[in-house]
């Protein structure tokens, strides 16, 4: 089999196409979650903490001073931008929680309903004969 035909077989398999769709949808979903965190959640959290913007939280490592993260980076100072880390951490937690809920819902939908109990099997012939004998002896008295 030639390399081209092997690649064609690989590329058109359902799993590869499904994976590609998942990656594209996942990228778009990541943007939505990032926007939700940056534009909706973090401003409320920052306001509750006294008007702090998490993306501006940083520490200058070494000599130098800067009033903002952008200024520190313009000056070429080594900075520890821990606010951005917190922002990304919140993004991750929200994405992980949503994926967990989605997977749980999919697994619940996939679960098969338990089958109805089967009717009991017919008793063997010797048991039927013994029951008939018993019943006739009871009838005699």
Foldseek 3Di string as FASTA:
>chain_A
DDPVVVVVVVCPDPVNVVVVVVVVVVVVVLVVLLCCLQPPVQCVVCVVVPNDRLQFDKDFPDDDDDPTPVRCVVVVTDMDSVSVVVSVVVSVVVVVVVVVVVVVVVVVVPDDDDDDDDDDDDDDPVVVVVVVVVVVVVVVD
